[in-house]
Amino acid sequence: MAFITETKLRSTVDLPIALPDTTLKQSDYLVVATVKLGAAQRLTLTSLALQMLDSTVDPSLVDPTNLIVPNLGLAYVVLRQDYASGVPGQIGALDYIYLTGLGIVNRSLIPVVLIAPANYSILVANNMQPSTTSAIPTSTSIDFKLIVTGQFRLELTVA
């Protein structure tokens, strides 16, 4: 049986990932959390969830041409290393979850363990763009009310 020592407890920090219900406009994205990982530290993404509460359009009307990144659904959350700018869902995501309609999605229970010193960021994105072939008029903004929750575990000293 493994025991948590006082030393281990003092060197471990659980960090929340939290975005309360926020309206994300069409094609917008937001950095929800960033953690700087130093040498001899370990960062573990232990949980991550994305929930869509509301949409300005019926999600069933969304056409594939409305998607900015075709394989990432209506909205998505990504884990990126040293993110600077650009479409968050394009090449380089370490992990991701996405929604295809109203409701909630959780990432798998398998943790993502990171040990390379870097800045690690969680970003949420509205993956919608106007399309002339869609049933949704191009003058209508496809906006979503989203919630992001999760947790990082930061181990300050790794033996």
N, C-alpha and C. Protein backbone atom coordinates (compact mmCIF):
# COMPACT_ATOMS: atom_id res chain seq x y z
N MET A 1 0.84 -1.17 0.00
CA MET A 1 0.00 0.00 0.00
C MET A 1 0.89 1.24 0.00
N ALA A 2 0.56 2.24 -0.82
CA ALA A 2 1.34 3.48 -0.91
C ALA A 2 0.80 4.50 0.09
N PHE A 3 1.72 5.20 0.74
CA PHE A 3 1.35 6.23 1.69
C PHE A 3 1.82 7.58 1.17
N ILE A 4 1.06 8.61 1.48
CA ILE A 4 1.45 9.97 1.12
C ILE A 4 2.23 10.53 2.30
N THR A 5 3.48 10.85 2.06
CA THR A 5 4.31 11.41 3.13
C THR A 5 4.06 12.91 3.23
N GLU A 6 4.51 13.50 4.34
CA GLU A 6 4.36 14.94 4.51
C GLU A 6 5.14 15.70 3.44
N THR A 7 6.30 15.18 3.10
CA THR A 7 7.12 15.81 2.05
C THR A 7 6.37 15.80 0.72
N LYS A 8 5.79 14.66 0.39
CA LYS A 8 5.02 14.54 -0.86
C LYS A 8 3.82 15.49 -0.84
N LEU A 9 3.14 15.56 0.28
CA LEU A 9 1.97 16.42 0.40
C LEU A 9 2.35 17.89 0.25
N ARG A 10 3.48 18.29 0.83
CA ARG A 10 3.92 19.69 0.74
C ARG A 10 4.37 20.06 -0.67
N SER A 11 4.77 19.08 -1.46
CA SER A 11 5.30 19.38 -2.79
C SER A 11 4.29 19.09 -3.91
N THR A 12 3.03 18.86 -3.56
CA THR A 12 1.99 18.58 -4.55
C THR A 12 0.89 19.64 -4.45
N VAL A 13 0.54 20.21 -5.59
CA VAL A 13 -0.49 21.24 -5.64
C VAL A 13 -1.53 20.85 -6.69
N ASP A 14 -2.79 20.84 -6.31
CA ASP A 14 -3.87 20.63 -7.27
C ASP A 14 -4.37 21.98 -7.75
N LEU A 15 -4.38 22.18 -9.06
CA LEU A 15 -4.75 23.46 -9.66
C LEU A 15 -6.05 23.31 -10.44
N PRO A 16 -7.05 24.13 -10.14
CA PRO A 16 -8.32 24.02 -10.86
C PRO A 16 -8.23 24.61 -12.27
N ILE A 17 -8.99 24.03 -13.15
CA ILE A 17 -9.22 24.58 -14.49
C ILE A 17 -10.69 24.94 -14.49
N ALA A 18 -11.01 26.22 -14.56
CA ALA A 18 -12.41 26.62 -14.39
C ALA A 18 -12.78 27.83 -15.24
N LEU A 19 -13.76 27.63 -16.08
CA LEU A 19 -14.37 28.72 -16.84
C LEU A 19 -15.86 28.65 -16.58
N PRO A 20 -16.41 29.61 -15.81
CA PRO A 20 -17.85 29.59 -15.57
C PRO A 20 -18.61 29.85 -16.87
N ASP A 21 -19.93 29.66 -16.85
CA ASP A 21 -20.68 29.80 -18.10
C ASP A 21 -20.36 31.12 -18.80
N THR A 22 -19.82 30.96 -20.00
CA THR A 22 -19.31 32.06 -20.80
C THR A 22 -19.80 31.90 -22.23
N THR A 23 -20.28 33.00 -22.80
CA THR A 23 -20.68 32.96 -24.21
C THR A 23 -19.46 33.19 -25.08
N LEU A 24 -19.19 32.20 -25.91
CA LEU A 24 -18.07 32.28 -26.84
C LEU A 24 -18.64 32.54 -28.23
N LYS A 25 -18.30 33.66 -28.80
CA LYS A 25 -18.80 34.06 -30.12
C LYS A 25 -18.19 33.18 -31.21
N GLN A 26 -18.86 33.16 -32.34
CA GLN A 26 -18.41 32.40 -33.51
C GLN A 26 -16.94 32.65 -33.79
N SER A 27 -16.16 31.59 -33.93
CA SER A 27 -14.73 31.55 -34.27
C SER A 27 -13.80 32.11 -33.18
N ASP A 28 -14.33 32.43 -31.99
CA ASP A 28 -13.48 32.94 -30.91
C ASP A 28 -12.91 31.79 -30.09
N TYR A 29 -11.82 32.07 -29.41
CA TYR A 29 -11.23 31.11 -28.48
C TYR A 29 -10.71 31.88 -27.27
N LEU A 30 -10.46 31.15 -26.20
CA LEU A 30 -10.07 31.75 -24.94
C LEU A 30 -9.09 30.84 -24.22
N VAL A 31 -8.02 31.42 -23.67
CA VAL A 31 -7.11 30.66 -22.82
C VAL A 31 -7.74 30.57 -21.45
N VAL A 32 -8.02 29.36 -20.98
CA VAL A 32 -8.68 29.14 -19.70
C VAL A 32 -7.66 29.03 -18.57
N ALA A 33 -6.54 28.36 -18.82
CA ALA A 33 -5.52 28.16 -17.79
C ALA A 33 -4.16 27.98 -18.44
N THR A 34 -3.13 28.43 -17.74
CA THR A 34 -1.75 28.21 -18.18
C THR A 34 -0.90 27.89 -16.95
N VAL A 35 -0.05 26.88 -17.07
CA VAL A 35 0.86 26.49 -15.99
C VAL A 35 2.27 26.43 -16.57
N LYS A 36 3.21 27.07 -15.87
CA LYS A 36 4.62 27.00 -16.28
C LYS A 36 5.26 25.85 -15.52
N LEU A 37 5.78 24.88 -16.26
CA LEU A 37 6.42 23.71 -15.66
C LEU A 37 7.93 23.88 -15.73
N GLY A 38 8.59 23.77 -14.58
CA GLY A 38 10.04 23.90 -14.51
C GLY A 38 10.73 22.55 -14.52
N ALA A 39 12.05 22.59 -14.49
CA ALA A 39 12.83 21.35 -14.45
C ALA A 39 12.53 20.61 -13.16
N ALA A 40 12.56 19.30 -13.22
CA ALA A 40 12.31 18.41 -12.08
C ALA A 40 10.90 18.55 -11.52
N GLN A 41 9.95 18.98 -12.36
CA GLN A 41 8.54 19.05 -11.96
C GLN A 41 7.73 18.16 -12.89
N ARG A 42 6.55 17.78 -12.41
CA ARG A 42 5.65 16.96 -13.22
C ARG A 42 4.26 17.58 -13.14
N LEU A 43 3.61 17.67 -14.31
CA LEU A 43 2.24 18.20 -14.40
C LEU A 43 1.35 17.10 -14.96
N THR A 44 0.25 16.84 -14.28
CA THR A 44 -0.68 15.80 -14.72
C THR A 44 -2.05 16.41 -14.93
N LEU A 45 -2.59 16.23 -16.13
CA LEU A 45 -3.98 16.62 -16.40
C LEU A 45 -4.83 15.46 -15.94
N THR A 46 -5.51 15.63 -14.80
CA THR A 46 -6.26 14.52 -14.20
C THR A 46 -7.70 14.46 -14.65
N SER A 47 -8.29 15.63 -14.97
CA SER A 47 -9.68 15.63 -15.45
C SER A 47 -9.92 16.86 -16.30
N LEU A 48 -10.90 16.74 -17.20
CA LEU A 48 -11.27 17.86 -18.07
C LEU A 48 -12.66 17.60 -18.62
N ALA A 49 -13.52 18.62 -18.56
CA ALA A 49 -14.89 18.49 -19.06
C ALA A 49 -15.29 19.78 -19.79
N LEU A 50 -16.12 19.62 -20.81
CA LEU A 50 -16.66 20.73 -21.58
C LEU A 50 -18.17 20.55 -21.65
N GLN A 51 -18.90 21.60 -21.32
CA GLN A 51 -20.36 21.54 -21.35
C GLN A 51 -20.90 22.71 -22.17
N MET A 52 -21.86 22.40 -23.07
CA MET A 52 -22.55 23.44 -23.83
C MET A 52 -23.95 23.59 -23.23
N LEU A 53 -24.23 24.79 -22.73
CA LEU A 53 -25.52 25.07 -22.10
C LEU A 53 -26.55 25.60 -23.09
N ASP A 54 -26.07 26.36 -24.07
CA ASP A 54 -27.01 27.01 -24.99
C ASP A 54 -26.30 27.34 -26.30
N SER A 55 -27.10 27.50 -27.34
CA SER A 55 -26.60 27.85 -28.66
C SER A 55 -27.56 28.85 -29.30
N THR A 56 -27.03 29.79 -30.07
CA THR A 56 -27.89 30.78 -30.73
C THR A 56 -28.61 30.19 -31.95
N VAL A 57 -28.19 29.00 -32.38
CA VAL A 57 -28.85 28.31 -33.49
C VAL A 57 -29.08 26.85 -33.10
N ASP A 58 -29.94 26.19 -33.82
CA ASP A 58 -30.15 24.76 -33.62
C ASP A 58 -28.89 24.03 -34.11
N PRO A 59 -28.18 23.33 -33.21
CA PRO A 59 -26.93 22.66 -33.62
C PRO A 59 -27.12 21.65 -34.77
N SER A 60 -28.32 21.13 -34.93
CA SER A 60 -28.54 20.16 -36.02
C SER A 60 -28.49 20.84 -37.40
N LEU A 61 -28.57 22.17 -37.45
CA LEU A 61 -28.51 22.90 -38.71
C LEU A 61 -27.07 23.17 -39.17
N VAL A 62 -26.11 22.92 -38.29
CA VAL A 62 -24.71 23.18 -38.63
C VAL A 62 -24.28 22.22 -39.74
N ASP A 63 -23.67 22.80 -40.74
CA ASP A 63 -23.18 22.07 -41.92
C ASP A 63 -21.67 21.85 -41.74
N PRO A 64 -21.09 20.79 -42.30
CA PRO A 64 -19.63 20.61 -42.19
C PRO A 64 -18.82 21.82 -42.67
N THR A 65 -19.39 22.62 -43.57
CA THR A 65 -18.67 23.81 -44.04
C THR A 65 -18.64 24.92 -42.99
N ASN A 66 -19.44 24.79 -41.93
CA ASN A 66 -19.42 25.75 -40.82
C ASN A 66 -18.24 25.51 -39.88
N LEU A 67 -17.61 24.33 -39.96
CA LEU A 67 -16.54 23.98 -39.02
C LEU A 67 -15.20 24.54 -39.49
N ILE A 68 -14.48 25.20 -38.58
CA ILE A 68 -13.15 25.72 -38.89
C ILE A 68 -12.16 24.56 -38.97
N VAL A 69 -12.16 23.70 -37.95
CA VAL A 69 -11.32 22.49 -37.92
C VAL A 69 -12.30 21.32 -38.05
N PRO A 70 -12.32 20.65 -39.20
CA PRO A 70 -13.38 19.67 -39.50
C PRO A 70 -13.60 18.54 -38.49
N ASN A 71 -12.57 18.08 -37.81
CA ASN A 71 -12.74 16.92 -36.92
C ASN A 71 -12.92 17.29 -35.45
N LEU A 72 -13.18 18.56 -35.12
CA LEU A 72 -13.28 18.96 -33.72
C LEU A 72 -14.66 19.47 -33.30
N GLY A 73 -15.70 19.03 -33.97
CA GLY A 73 -17.05 19.33 -33.53
C GLY A 73 -17.39 20.81 -33.48
N LEU A 74 -18.46 21.13 -32.73
CA LEU A 74 -18.95 22.50 -32.65
C LEU A 74 -18.05 23.39 -31.78
N ALA A 75 -17.60 22.82 -30.68
CA ALA A 75 -16.70 23.53 -29.75
C ALA A 75 -15.74 22.50 -29.18
N TYR A 76 -14.55 22.97 -28.78
CA TYR A 76 -13.56 22.02 -28.28
C TYR A 76 -12.66 22.68 -27.23
N VAL A 77 -11.98 21.82 -26.46
CA VAL A 77 -10.97 22.25 -25.50
C VAL A 77 -9.69 21.50 -25.85
N VAL A 78 -8.57 22.22 -25.88
CA VAL A 78 -7.28 21.59 -26.21
C VAL A 78 -6.26 21.91 -25.13
N LEU A 79 -5.30 20.99 -25.00
CA LEU A 79 -4.11 21.19 -24.17
C LEU A 79 -2.96 21.45 -25.13
N ARG A 80 -2.31 22.60 -24.98
CA ARG A 80 -1.21 22.98 -25.89
C ARG A 80 0.06 23.27 -25.09
N GLN A 81 1.19 22.99 -25.70
CA GLN A 81 2.49 23.32 -25.13
C GLN A 81 3.03 24.57 -25.80
N ASP A 82 3.44 25.54 -25.00
CA ASP A 82 4.02 26.80 -25.49
C ASP A 82 3.16 27.46 -26.57
N TYR A 83 1.86 27.53 -26.33
CA TYR A 83 0.93 28.15 -27.28
C TYR A 83 1.19 29.65 -27.35
N ALA A 84 1.27 30.18 -28.57
CA ALA A 84 1.49 31.61 -28.75
C ALA A 84 0.30 32.27 -29.45
N SER A 85 -0.14 31.70 -30.58
CA SER A 85 -1.28 32.27 -31.29
C SER A 85 -1.71 31.31 -32.40
N GLY A 86 -2.81 31.65 -33.05
CA GLY A 86 -3.32 30.84 -34.15
C GLY A 86 -4.51 30.01 -33.72
N VAL A 87 -5.04 29.23 -34.64
CA VAL A 87 -6.21 28.39 -34.36
C VAL A 87 -5.76 27.29 -33.40
N PRO A 88 -6.33 27.25 -32.17
CA PRO A 88 -5.86 26.31 -31.15
C PRO A 88 -5.98 24.84 -31.54
N GLY A 89 -6.95 24.50 -32.38
CA GLY A 89 -7.19 23.10 -32.72
C GLY A 89 -6.34 22.56 -33.85
N GLN A 90 -5.57 23.41 -34.48
CA GLN A 90 -4.72 22.92 -35.56
C GLN A 90 -3.50 22.22 -34.98
N ILE A 91 -2.69 21.68 -35.81
CA ILE A 91 -1.54 20.84 -35.44
C ILE A 91 -0.87 21.28 -34.14
N GLY A 92 -0.61 20.30 -33.26
CA GLY A 92 0.16 20.59 -32.06
C GLY A 92 -0.56 20.36 -30.75
N ALA A 93 -1.82 19.99 -30.76
CA ALA A 93 -2.54 19.75 -29.51
C ALA A 93 -2.03 18.47 -28.86
N LEU A 94 -1.80 18.52 -27.54
CA LEU A 94 -1.36 17.35 -26.79
C LEU A 94 -2.54 16.46 -26.40
N ASP A 95 -3.70 17.08 -26.22
CA ASP A 95 -4.93 16.36 -25.88
C ASP A 95 -6.10 17.28 -26.23
N TYR A 96 -7.28 16.68 -26.45
CA TYR A 96 -8.45 17.50 -26.77
C TYR A 96 -9.73 16.73 -26.47
N ILE A 97 -10.80 17.49 -26.27
CA ILE A 97 -12.17 16.95 -26.21
C ILE A 97 -13.03 17.90 -27.03
N TYR A 98 -14.14 17.38 -27.56
CA TYR A 98 -15.02 18.24 -28.34
C TYR A 98 -16.48 17.83 -28.20
N LEU A 99 -17.36 18.79 -28.49
CA LEU A 99 -18.81 18.58 -28.43
C LEU A 99 -19.41 18.60 -29.81
N THR A 100 -20.41 17.75 -30.01
CA THR A 100 -21.14 17.75 -31.29
C THR A 100 -22.57 18.28 -31.12
N GLY A 101 -22.91 18.74 -29.92
CA GLY A 101 -24.24 19.28 -29.65
C GLY A 101 -24.34 19.72 -28.21
N LEU A 102 -25.55 20.08 -27.79
CA LEU A 102 -25.76 20.48 -26.41
C LEU A 102 -25.44 19.30 -25.50
N GLY A 103 -24.91 19.58 -24.31
CA GLY A 103 -24.60 18.52 -23.37
C GLY A 103 -23.19 18.67 -22.83
N ILE A 104 -22.65 17.55 -22.35
CA ILE A 104 -21.35 17.56 -21.69
C ILE A 104 -20.47 16.42 -22.22
N VAL A 105 -19.18 16.66 -22.26
CA VAL A 105 -18.22 15.62 -22.64
C VAL A 105 -17.05 15.69 -21.65
N ASN A 106 -16.58 14.51 -21.23
CA ASN A 106 -15.44 14.39 -20.33
C ASN A 106 -14.31 13.69 -21.06
N ARG A 107 -13.07 14.04 -20.74
CA ARG A 107 -11.94 13.33 -21.34
C ARG A 107 -11.81 11.99 -20.64
N SER A 108 -11.03 11.10 -21.21
CA SER A 108 -10.83 9.77 -20.66
C SER A 108 -10.23 9.86 -19.26
N LEU A 109 -10.29 8.76 -18.54
CA LEU A 109 -9.75 8.72 -17.18
C LEU A 109 -8.24 8.52 -17.15
N ILE A 110 -7.64 8.29 -18.30
CA ILE A 110 -6.20 8.11 -18.37
C ILE A 110 -5.54 9.49 -18.28
N PRO A 111 -4.73 9.72 -17.24
CA PRO A 111 -4.13 11.05 -17.09
C PRO A 111 -3.08 11.35 -18.15
N VAL A 112 -2.91 12.62 -18.46
CA VAL A 112 -1.86 13.09 -19.36
C VAL A 112 -0.74 13.60 -18.46
N VAL A 113 0.44 12.97 -18.52
CA VAL A 113 1.57 13.34 -17.67
C VAL A 113 2.60 14.08 -18.50
N LEU A 114 2.99 15.26 -18.02
CA LEU A 114 3.92 16.14 -18.73
C LEU A 114 5.14 16.39 -17.85
N ILE A 115 6.35 16.23 -18.42
CA ILE A 115 7.57 16.44 -17.65
C ILE A 115 8.53 17.43 -18.31
N ALA A 116 8.32 17.76 -19.56
CA ALA A 116 9.21 18.69 -20.26
C ALA A 116 8.94 20.12 -19.79
N PRO A 117 9.97 20.85 -19.36
CA PRO A 117 9.77 22.24 -18.96
C PRO A 117 9.17 23.05 -20.12
N ALA A 118 8.05 23.71 -19.84
CA ALA A 118 7.35 24.49 -20.87
C ALA A 118 6.16 25.18 -20.22
N ASN A 119 5.45 25.97 -21.01
CA ASN A 119 4.18 26.55 -20.59
C ASN A 119 3.08 25.69 -21.19
N TYR A 120 2.19 25.17 -20.37
CA TYR A 120 1.09 24.34 -20.83
C TYR A 120 -0.22 25.10 -20.64
N SER A 121 -1.03 25.15 -21.70
CA SER A 121 -2.26 25.93 -21.68
C SER A 121 -3.47 25.08 -22.06
N ILE A 122 -4.59 25.41 -21.44
CA ILE A 122 -5.90 24.85 -21.79
C ILE A 122 -6.65 25.97 -22.51
N LEU A 123 -7.12 25.68 -23.72
CA LEU A 123 -7.87 26.66 -24.49
C LEU A 123 -9.22 26.08 -24.88
N VAL A 124 -10.25 26.92 -24.89
CA VAL A 124 -11.57 26.52 -25.37
C VAL A 124 -11.86 27.34 -26.62
N ALA A 125 -12.50 26.70 -27.61
CA ALA A 125 -12.75 27.38 -28.88
C ALA A 125 -14.15 27.09 -29.40
N ASN A 126 -14.74 28.11 -29.99
CA ASN A 126 -15.97 27.96 -30.77
C ASN A 126 -15.50 27.68 -32.19
N ASN A 127 -15.82 26.51 -32.71
CA ASN A 127 -15.29 26.03 -33.98
C ASN A 127 -16.16 26.41 -35.18
N MET A 128 -16.95 27.46 -35.05
CA MET A 128 -17.90 27.83 -36.11
C MET A 128 -17.41 29.00 -36.95
N GLN A 129 -17.81 28.96 -38.22
CA GLN A 129 -17.57 30.04 -39.16
C GLN A 129 -18.77 30.15 -40.08
N PRO A 130 -19.00 31.30 -40.69
CA PRO A 130 -20.13 31.43 -41.63
C PRO A 130 -19.89 30.59 -42.88
N SER A 131 -20.98 30.15 -43.49
CA SER A 131 -20.89 29.36 -44.72
C SER A 131 -22.07 29.68 -45.61
N THR A 132 -21.79 29.88 -46.88
CA THR A 132 -22.87 30.19 -47.83
C THR A 132 -23.68 28.96 -48.20
N THR A 133 -23.16 27.75 -47.94
CA THR A 133 -23.90 26.53 -48.29
C THR A 133 -24.69 25.97 -47.11
N SER A 134 -24.57 26.59 -45.94
CA SER A 134 -25.25 26.13 -44.73
C SER A 134 -26.69 26.65 -44.70
N ALA A 135 -27.55 25.97 -43.95
CA ALA A 135 -28.92 26.43 -43.74
C ALA A 135 -28.97 27.64 -42.81
N ILE A 136 -27.86 27.93 -42.16
CA ILE A 136 -27.77 29.07 -41.25
C ILE A 136 -27.31 30.29 -42.05
N PRO A 137 -28.07 31.37 -42.04
CA PRO A 137 -27.66 32.57 -42.80
C PRO A 137 -26.29 33.07 -42.35
N THR A 138 -25.50 33.58 -43.27
CA THR A 138 -24.16 34.07 -42.94
C THR A 138 -24.23 35.29 -42.01
N SER A 139 -25.37 35.95 -41.95
CA SER A 139 -25.53 37.10 -41.05
C SER A 139 -25.79 36.68 -39.60
N THR A 140 -26.04 35.38 -39.38
CA THR A 140 -26.31 34.87 -38.03
C THR A 140 -25.01 34.36 -37.41
N SER A 141 -24.68 34.88 -36.24
CA SER A 141 -23.50 34.43 -35.52
C SER A 141 -23.84 33.16 -34.73
N ILE A 142 -23.05 32.12 -34.89
CA ILE A 142 -23.27 30.85 -34.20
C ILE A 142 -22.47 30.90 -32.90
N ASP A 143 -23.14 31.28 -31.81
CA ASP A 143 -22.50 31.48 -30.52
C ASP A 143 -22.94 30.39 -29.54
N PHE A 144 -22.05 30.05 -28.61
CA PHE A 144 -22.33 29.00 -27.63
C PHE A 144 -22.07 29.50 -26.22
N LYS A 145 -22.91 29.05 -25.27
CA LYS A 145 -22.64 29.28 -23.86
C LYS A 145 -21.98 28.01 -23.34
N LEU A 146 -20.72 28.13 -22.88
CA LEU A 146 -19.90 26.98 -22.53
C LEU A 146 -19.38 27.06 -21.10
N ILE A 147 -19.11 25.89 -20.52
CA ILE A 147 -18.45 25.76 -19.22
C ILE A 147 -17.28 24.79 -19.40
N VAL A 148 -16.13 25.14 -18.82
CA VAL A 148 -14.97 24.24 -18.83
C VAL A 148 -14.55 24.01 -17.38
N THR A 149 -14.36 22.75 -17.01
CA THR A 149 -13.86 22.42 -15.67
C THR A 149 -12.80 21.33 -15.80
N GLY A 150 -11.91 21.28 -14.84
CA GLY A 150 -10.90 20.24 -14.83
C GLY A 150 -9.90 20.46 -13.72
N GLN A 151 -8.82 19.69 -13.78
CA GLN A 151 -7.80 19.80 -12.75
C GLN A 151 -6.43 19.36 -13.26
N PHE A 152 -5.43 20.17 -12.89
CA PHE A 152 -4.03 19.81 -13.07
C PHE A 152 -3.49 19.42 -11.69
N ARG A 153 -2.57 18.48 -11.65
CA ARG A 153 -1.81 18.19 -10.43
C ARG A 153 -0.36 18.53 -10.74
N LEU A 154 0.21 19.45 -9.95
CA LEU A 154 1.57 19.89 -10.12
C LEU A 154 2.41 19.31 -8.99
N GLU A 155 3.42 18.52 -9.36
CA GLU A 155 4.36 17.98 -8.38
C GLU A 155 5.64 18.80 -8.51
N LEU A 156 5.95 19.54 -7.44
CA LEU A 156 7.04 20.51 -7.48
C LEU A 156 8.42 19.87 -7.50
N THR A 157 8.55 18.72 -6.90
CA THR A 157 9.84 18.03 -6.93
C THR A 157 9.59 16.57 -7.29
N VAL A 158 10.21 16.13 -8.36
CA VAL A 158 10.06 14.75 -8.81
C VAL A 158 11.41 14.06 -8.60
N ALA A 159 11.39 12.97 -7.85
CA ALA A 159 12.63 12.25 -7.57
C ALA A 159 12.99 11.33 -8.71
